[in-house]
Every structure is written in structure tokens, then in C-alpha cells.
Amino acid sequence: LLANTLYGLLTSPDQMRLVVDDPDTWVRPALEESLRWMPPFSMTEKRTRDDVVVGGHFIPAGTEIAGWPVRLNG
């Protein structure tokens, strides 16, 4: 997480400046955005809490599902 966050900040100098100038305000959001943008894991496993329909497919509550992060822009 820290390496990905540092990489993101080093490649976005305007965002780095925000964090450096006001760390009390911007460190936490920078880490949270790094988790969303480039998580340090390749797959997440979860169980559905409720019955759900995704893309026309019924998935019952309690089903184990796996998801991979997808970068849509960049």
C-alpha cells in the first residue's frame, strides 16, 4: 500500500503537493484513493450477505465470490 501510494504521488506532482502542504487533511484520503486505484492484492474473496442478481445471474446469499480489481482509466 505504501509503495503504491508513493508511486501514485510521485507520478502526480499536484497531488503530492497537496499531501506535503497539508498532511493532516490529505494523508488519509491519499491512502484510501491508493487502495481504490491500485490495491496491494490481486484478488478479494467475499460471501454475499443477501440474494442478489448481477448481470441477469441470480447469486444466493452465502455464496463465496471472488473479485479482481480493474483499472478503468490508466
C-alpha atoms as a PDB file:
ATOM      1  CA  LEU A   1       0.000   0.000   0.000  1.00  0.00           C
ATOM      2  CA  LEU A   2       2.699   2.477   0.941  1.00  0.00           C
ATOM      3  CA  ALA A   3       4.775   1.788  -2.167  1.00  0.00           C
ATOM      4  CA  ASN A   4       1.708   2.127  -4.408  1.00  0.00           C
ATOM      5  CA  THR A   5       0.744   5.365  -2.653  1.00  0.00           C
ATOM      6  CA  LEU A   6       4.242   6.769  -3.055  1.00  0.00           C
ATOM      7  CA  TYR A   7       4.304   5.772  -6.721  1.00  0.00           C
ATOM      8  CA  GLY A   8       0.953   7.470  -7.287  1.00  0.00           C
ATOM      9  CA  LEU A   9       2.083  10.647  -5.572  1.00  0.00           C
ATOM     10  CA  LEU A  10       5.425  10.748  -7.382  1.00  0.00           C
ATOM     11  CA  THR A  11       3.656  10.457 -10.723  1.00  0.00           C
ATOM     12  CA  SER A  12       1.080  13.131  -9.772  1.00  0.00           C
ATOM     13  CA  PRO A  13       3.058  16.136  -8.517  1.00  0.00           C
ATOM     14  CA  ASP A  14      -0.074  18.239  -7.941  1.00  0.00           C
ATOM     15  CA  GLN A  15      -1.472  15.581  -5.588  1.00  0.00           C
ATOM     16  CA  MET A  16       1.924  15.180  -3.892  1.00  0.00           C
ATOM     17  CA  ARG A  17       1.960  18.932  -3.215  1.00  0.00           C
ATOM     18  CA  LEU A  18      -1.450  18.725  -1.502  1.00  0.00           C
ATOM     19  CA  VAL A  19      -0.234  15.936   0.800  1.00  0.00           C
ATOM     20  CA  VAL A  20       3.068  17.660   1.592  1.00  0.00           C
ATOM     21  CA  ASP A  21       1.456  21.047   2.238  1.00  0.00           C
ATOM     22  CA  ASP A  22      -1.368  19.723   4.441  1.00  0.00           C
ATOM     23  CA  PRO A  23      -0.707  16.151   5.621  1.00  0.00           C
ATOM     24  CA  ASP A  24      -3.334  16.273   8.393  1.00  0.00           C
ATOM     25  CA  THR A  25      -6.000  16.755   5.734  1.00  0.00           C
ATOM     26  CA  TRP A  26      -4.646  14.738   2.800  1.00  0.00           C
ATOM     27  CA  VAL A  27      -2.665  11.667   4.013  1.00  0.00           C
ATOM     28  CA  ARG A  28      -5.756   9.595   4.829  1.00  0.00           C
ATOM     29  CA  PRO A  29      -7.584  10.394   1.545  1.00  0.00           C
ATOM     30  CA  ALA A  30      -4.367   9.668  -0.380  1.00  0.00           C
ATOM     31  CA  LEU A  31      -4.086   6.223   1.215  1.00  0.00           C
ATOM     32  CA  GLU A  32      -7.781   5.480   0.633  1.00  0.00           C
ATOM     33  CA  GLU A  33      -7.524   6.520  -3.015  1.00  0.00           C
ATOM     34  CA  SER A  34      -4.404   4.391  -3.409  1.00  0.00           C
ATOM     35  CA  LEU A  35      -6.353   1.384  -2.104  1.00  0.00           C
ATOM     36  CA  ARG A  36      -9.059   2.050  -4.686  1.00  0.00           C
ATOM     37  CA  TRP A  37      -6.694   2.878  -7.557  1.00  0.00           C
ATOM     38  CA  MET A  38      -4.017   0.200  -7.126  1.00  0.00           C
ATOM     39  CA  PRO A  39      -4.695  -2.204  -4.247  1.00  0.00           C
ATOM     40  CA  PRO A  40      -1.786  -4.266  -2.878  1.00  0.00           C
ATOM     41  CA  PHE A  41      -3.636  -7.525  -3.557  1.00  0.00           C
ATOM     42  CA  SER A  42      -4.767  -9.182  -6.749  1.00  0.00           C
ATOM     43  CA  MET A  43      -7.978 -10.859  -5.625  1.00  0.00           C
ATOM     44  CA  THR A  44     -10.574 -10.468  -2.901  1.00  0.00           C
ATOM     45  CA  GLU A  45     -12.901 -13.220  -1.719  1.00  0.00           C
ATOM     46  CA  LYS A  46     -16.210 -12.369  -0.066  1.00  0.00           C
ATOM     47  CA  ARG A  47     -19.546 -14.006   0.723  1.00  0.00           C
ATOM     48  CA  THR A  48     -22.788 -12.473  -0.401  1.00  0.00           C
ATOM     49  CA  ARG A  49     -24.905 -11.253   2.501  1.00  0.00           C
ATOM     50  CA  ASP A  50     -28.211 -11.237   0.615  1.00  0.00           C
ATOM     51  CA  ASP A  51     -29.626 -12.780  -2.536  1.00  0.00           C
ATOM     52  CA  VAL A  52     -28.622 -10.616  -5.478  1.00  0.00           C
ATOM     53  CA  VAL A  53     -28.939 -10.532  -9.267  1.00  0.00           C
ATOM     54  CA  VAL A  54     -25.840  -9.386 -11.162  1.00  0.00           C
ATOM     55  CA  GLY A  55     -25.864  -9.149 -14.934  1.00  0.00           C
ATOM     56  CA  GLY A  56     -29.017 -11.243 -15.041  1.00  0.00           C
ATOM     57  CA  HIS A  57     -27.492 -14.015 -12.897  1.00  0.00           C
ATOM     58  CA  PHE A  58     -29.011 -14.927  -9.538  1.00  0.00           C
ATOM     59  CA  ILE A  59     -26.474 -15.275  -6.710  1.00  0.00           C
ATOM     60  CA  PRO A  60     -27.902 -16.639  -3.450  1.00  0.00           C
ATOM     61  CA  ALA A  61     -26.949 -15.310  -0.020  1.00  0.00           C
ATOM     62  CA  GLY A  62     -23.873 -17.003   1.423  1.00  0.00           C
ATOM     63  CA  THR A  63     -22.220 -17.630  -1.958  1.00  0.00           C
ATOM     64  CA  GLU A  64     -18.447 -17.178  -1.985  1.00  0.00           C
ATOM     65  CA  ILE A  65     -17.407 -14.824  -4.762  1.00  0.00           C
ATOM     66  CA  ALA A  66     -14.022 -13.575  -5.952  1.00  0.00           C
ATOM     67  CA  GLY A  67     -13.286 -10.224  -7.494  1.00  0.00           C
ATOM     68  CA  TRP A  68     -10.279  -8.735  -9.181  1.00  0.00           C
ATOM     69  CA  PRO A  69      -9.553  -5.010  -9.176  1.00  0.00           C
ATOM     70  CA  VAL A  70      -9.930  -3.410 -12.584  1.00  0.00           C
ATOM     71  CA  ARG A  71      -8.318  -0.130 -13.589  1.00  0.00           C
ATOM     72  CA  LEU A  72     -10.650   1.623 -15.972  1.00  0.00           C
ATOM     73  CA  ASN A  73      -8.638   4.798 -16.555  1.00  0.00           C
ATOM     74  CA  GLY A  74      -4.898   4.483 -16.638  1.00  0.00           C
END
